[in-house]
Protein backbone atom coordinates (compact mmCIF):
# COMPACT_ATOMS: atom_id res chain seq x y z
CA MET A 1 -52.58 -2.38 2.04
CA ASN A 2 -49.84 -4.58 0.60
CA ARG A 3 -50.49 -3.14 -2.87
CA ILE A 4 -50.07 0.40 -1.52
CA ASN A 5 -46.74 -0.54 0.11
CA ILE A 6 -45.51 -2.12 -3.11
CA PHE A 7 -46.55 0.98 -5.10
CA ILE A 8 -44.75 3.33 -2.67
CA THR A 9 -41.59 1.18 -2.78
CA PHE A 10 -41.65 1.15 -6.58
CA VAL A 11 -42.05 4.94 -6.82
CA ALA A 12 -39.26 5.56 -4.28
CA THR A 13 -36.93 3.24 -6.21
CA VAL A 14 -37.61 5.06 -9.49
CA LEU A 15 -37.00 8.48 -7.90
CA LEU A 16 -33.75 7.43 -6.23
CA SER A 17 -32.52 5.79 -9.42
CA GLY A 18 -33.20 9.00 -11.27
CA CYS A 19 -31.04 10.93 -8.81
CA ALA A 20 -28.14 8.47 -9.00
CA THR A 21 -24.97 9.33 -10.92
CA TYR A 22 -21.86 7.38 -11.77
CA LYS A 23 -19.73 10.45 -12.48
CA PRO A 24 -17.20 11.78 -9.91
CA GLN A 25 -18.72 14.40 -7.63
CA TYR A 26 -16.65 17.44 -6.66
CA LYS A 27 -17.33 20.24 -4.25
CA LEU A 28 -15.18 22.40 -6.53
CA PRO A 29 -14.92 22.18 -10.33
CA PRO A 30 -12.36 19.58 -11.57
CA ASP A 31 -10.24 22.28 -13.23
CA HIS A 32 -9.93 24.06 -9.88
CA LEU A 33 -8.76 20.84 -8.21
CA SER A 34 -6.17 20.34 -10.91
CA GLU A 35 -4.75 23.79 -10.26
CA ALA A 36 -4.75 23.27 -6.49
CA SER A 37 -2.76 20.03 -6.77
CA SER A 38 -0.12 21.36 -9.15
CA LEU A 39 3.53 20.84 -8.26
CA GLU A 40 3.99 24.53 -7.53
CA ASP A 41 1.58 24.25 -4.59
CA ILE A 42 3.32 21.29 -2.93
CA ASP A 43 5.46 22.26 0.05
CA LYS A 44 7.10 18.92 0.82
CA SER A 45 7.04 15.45 -0.72
CA PHE A 46 7.52 12.25 1.31
CA TYR A 47 8.45 8.95 -0.32
CA LEU A 48 7.96 5.94 1.98
CA ILE A 49 9.58 2.59 1.29
CA GLY A 50 10.06 -0.47 3.50
CA ASN A 51 11.92 -3.77 3.25
CA ALA A 52 14.01 -2.29 0.46
CA GLY A 53 17.09 -4.17 1.65
CA ASN A 54 15.58 -7.60 1.08
CA ASP A 55 17.52 -9.66 -1.41
CA THR A 56 14.60 -10.23 -3.79
CA ASP A 57 13.79 -9.22 -7.35
CA GLU A 58 10.68 -7.43 -6.14
CA ALA A 59 12.60 -5.27 -3.67
CA SER A 60 15.15 -4.46 -6.36
CA ARG A 61 12.45 -3.44 -8.85
CA ILE A 62 10.71 -1.26 -6.27
CA MET A 63 13.92 0.50 -5.33
CA GLN A 64 14.77 1.06 -8.98
CA SER A 65 11.27 2.41 -9.63
CA LEU A 66 11.62 4.87 -6.77
CA GLY A 67 15.02 5.97 -8.08
CA ASN A 68 13.62 6.51 -11.57
CA TYR A 69 10.64 8.46 -10.27
CA ILE A 70 12.79 10.71 -8.12
CA ALA A 71 15.16 11.32 -11.02
CA GLU A 72 12.21 12.83 -12.92
CA ASN A 73 10.79 14.68 -9.90
CA ASN A 74 13.91 15.67 -8.02
CA SER A 75 13.53 18.40 -5.42
CA LYS A 76 15.39 19.61 -2.35
CA ASP A 77 12.01 19.75 -0.60
CA SER A 78 11.54 15.98 -0.83
CA TYR A 79 12.13 13.29 1.79
CA VAL A 80 12.76 9.57 1.37
CA LEU A 81 11.87 7.55 4.47
CA PHE A 82 13.21 4.00 4.70
CA LEU A 83 10.81 2.24 7.07
CA GLY A 84 12.96 -0.67 8.20
CA ASN A 85 14.88 -3.75 7.02
CA SER A 86 17.33 -1.68 5.03
CA PHE A 87 20.46 -3.31 6.51
CA SER A 88 19.66 -6.84 5.41
CA PRO A 89 19.74 -9.67 6.06
CA LYS A 90 20.51 -9.35 9.79
CA GLY A 91 21.80 -5.87 10.39
CA MET A 92 25.28 -5.09 11.66
CA HIS A 93 27.00 -6.81 14.59
CA SER A 94 29.96 -5.82 16.70
CA LYS A 95 31.75 -9.17 16.14
CA ASP A 96 30.58 -10.46 12.76
CA LYS A 97 32.43 -8.91 9.83
CA LYS A 98 30.69 -11.12 7.28
CA LEU A 99 27.21 -10.01 8.30
CA ASN A 100 28.37 -6.42 8.49
CA LYS A 101 29.63 -6.55 4.93
CA GLN A 102 26.33 -7.97 3.71
CA ALA A 103 24.39 -5.29 5.57
CA GLU A 104 26.62 -2.53 4.25
CA ASN A 105 26.25 -3.75 0.67
CA SER A 106 22.49 -3.95 1.08
CA MET A 107 22.18 -0.38 2.35
CA GLN A 108 24.70 0.96 -0.16
CA GLN A 109 22.71 -0.40 -3.09
CA GLN A 110 19.69 1.55 -1.89
CA LEU A 111 21.72 4.72 -1.48
CA ASP A 112 23.22 4.26 -4.95
CA ALA A 113 19.71 4.24 -6.43
CA LEU A 114 19.25 7.71 -4.91
CA LYS A 115 22.72 9.05 -5.65
CA ASP A 116 21.42 12.18 -7.39
CA PHE A 117 18.65 12.83 -4.90
CA LYS A 118 18.57 16.50 -3.83
CA GLY A 119 16.34 16.02 -0.79
CA LYS A 120 16.75 14.45 2.62
CA ILE A 121 16.98 10.77 3.55
CA VAL A 122 15.77 9.29 6.84
CA VAL A 123 16.38 5.64 7.77
CA LEU A 124 14.21 4.11 10.50
CA PRO A 125 15.40 0.92 12.24
CA GLY A 126 13.35 -2.22 11.73
CA ASN A 127 13.61 -5.89 12.55
CA SER A 128 16.87 -6.40 10.63
CA GLU A 129 18.57 -3.36 12.13
CA TRP A 130 17.78 -4.48 15.67
CA LYS A 131 19.21 -7.99 15.26
CA GLY A 132 22.60 -6.64 16.30
CA GLY A 133 21.17 -4.85 19.34
CA VAL A 134 22.06 -1.28 20.28
CA ASP A 135 25.70 -1.91 19.34
CA GLY A 136 24.57 -2.88 15.86
CA LEU A 137 22.45 0.26 15.58
CA GLU A 138 25.47 2.37 16.44
CA LEU A 139 27.47 0.68 13.68
CA GLU A 140 24.66 1.34 11.20
CA GLU A 141 24.45 4.94 12.34
CA ASP A 142 28.22 5.38 11.86
CA PHE A 143 27.97 3.80 8.41
CA LEU A 144 25.38 6.37 7.35
CA LYS A 145 27.19 9.30 8.96
CA GLU A 146 30.30 8.50 6.92
CA ARG A 147 28.25 8.88 3.73
CA PHE A 148 26.33 12.01 4.76
CA ASP A 149 29.05 14.21 6.24
CA GLY A 150 28.27 13.31 9.84
CA GLU A 151 24.53 13.94 9.56
CA SER A 152 22.27 11.74 11.69
CA ILE A 153 20.37 9.84 8.99
CA LEU A 154 19.28 6.97 11.25
CA GLN A 155 16.25 8.17 13.21
CA PRO A 156 15.53 7.67 16.02
CA HIS A 157 19.23 7.37 16.80
CA ASN A 158 21.23 6.04 19.76
CA GLY A 159 18.76 3.20 20.21
CA CYS A 160 15.95 5.54 21.26
CA PRO A 161 12.29 4.84 20.42
CA LEU A 162 11.11 8.31 19.45
CA GLU A 163 12.47 11.30 17.59
CA GLY A 164 10.87 14.55 16.50
CA ILE A 165 12.09 16.22 13.32
CA ASP A 166 11.24 19.79 12.36
CA ILE A 167 10.57 19.72 8.64
CA SER A 168 9.29 23.29 8.42
CA ASP A 169 7.37 25.82 10.48
CA GLU A 170 4.17 23.93 9.66
CA ILE A 171 5.33 20.31 9.39
CA TYR A 172 6.66 18.18 12.25
CA LEU A 173 7.71 14.60 11.56
CA LEU A 174 7.43 12.18 14.46
CA ALA A 175 9.61 9.09 13.92
CA PHE A 176 8.52 6.23 16.16
CA ASP A 177 10.54 3.00 16.14
CA THR A 178 7.99 0.30 16.97
CA GLN A 179 10.67 -2.40 16.85
CA TRP A 180 12.23 -0.83 19.94
CA ARG A 181 9.18 -1.90 21.94
CA ILE A 182 9.93 -5.62 21.46
CA ALA A 183 13.71 -5.49 21.30
CA PRO A 184 15.46 -7.75 23.87
CA GLY A 185 16.37 -5.93 27.06
CA LEU A 186 14.29 -2.86 26.25
CA GLY A 187 10.71 -1.85 26.78
CA PHE A 188 8.25 0.97 27.06
CA ASP A 189 9.56 2.68 30.18
CA ASN A 190 9.42 6.22 31.54
CA GLN A 191 11.93 7.42 28.96
CA VAL A 192 9.10 8.19 26.58
CA LEU A 193 6.49 9.18 29.13
CA SER A 194 8.78 11.72 30.78
CA HIS A 195 9.32 13.66 27.55
CA GLY A 196 6.71 16.04 26.23
CA PHE A 197 6.33 16.34 22.47
CA ASN A 198 4.34 19.30 21.24
CA VAL A 199 3.01 18.06 17.91
CA THR A 200 1.37 21.14 16.47
CA GLY A 201 2.00 20.40 12.80
CA GLY A 202 1.18 17.56 10.49
CA ILE A 203 1.81 16.41 6.96
CA ALA A 204 -1.13 18.41 5.69
CA GLY A 205 -0.43 20.01 2.34
CA SER A 206 2.40 17.64 1.49
CA ASP A 207 2.54 15.25 -1.44
CA TYR A 208 2.32 11.63 -0.24
CA HIS A 209 3.90 8.89 -2.35
CA ALA A 210 3.68 5.31 -1.12
CA LEU A 211 6.05 2.96 -2.89
CA GLY A 212 7.31 -0.21 -1.26
CA GLN A 213 6.47 -3.53 0.27
CA GLY A 214 5.19 -2.17 3.56
CA THR A 215 6.67 -1.42 6.94
CA SER A 216 8.29 -3.78 9.37
CA ALA A 217 6.74 -4.47 12.74
């Protein structure tokens, strides 16, 4: 009986090994996939970067790499999303001009790297931005508005936790500031629960580029 079991196991192993392949498997031919993913078929591109304001060589290299990539792939249908800690080291404060200057210089360096960018820029608050409280967020929002002709670049703005952005008829971007949840004096109250957000779209069909050190909590 044991010999029969061993024989069956051996035969099954040989058959399965014969069916195995180490080549990529496609539902459609590779040339078809190449055509489907061509730049002409991309509706929107989103570039995500976090902790870009940190005063480190790594953050500087990442920001420069993003700037170089965008310079070669510049499009008005592209979006750069800063995911927090852009106004480093401690955001902007209503009564600290020294910190404000440092934060402004930090953010300006990032904007300078994208000076020829044809698309849209969205800055989400993170740990650094919230260190100055809601007053600090308003200063950061004003700083960005001055450089973008009054456009609300900081999202969500006014110290709110959630903001919906219509990218197109098929794409809806939901910006959720998780730092708001743990900010002093704030919390997850009925402000969010009392608002209905009809999220019918997604980022399906868009080109996703992840460059950066990660998001802030």
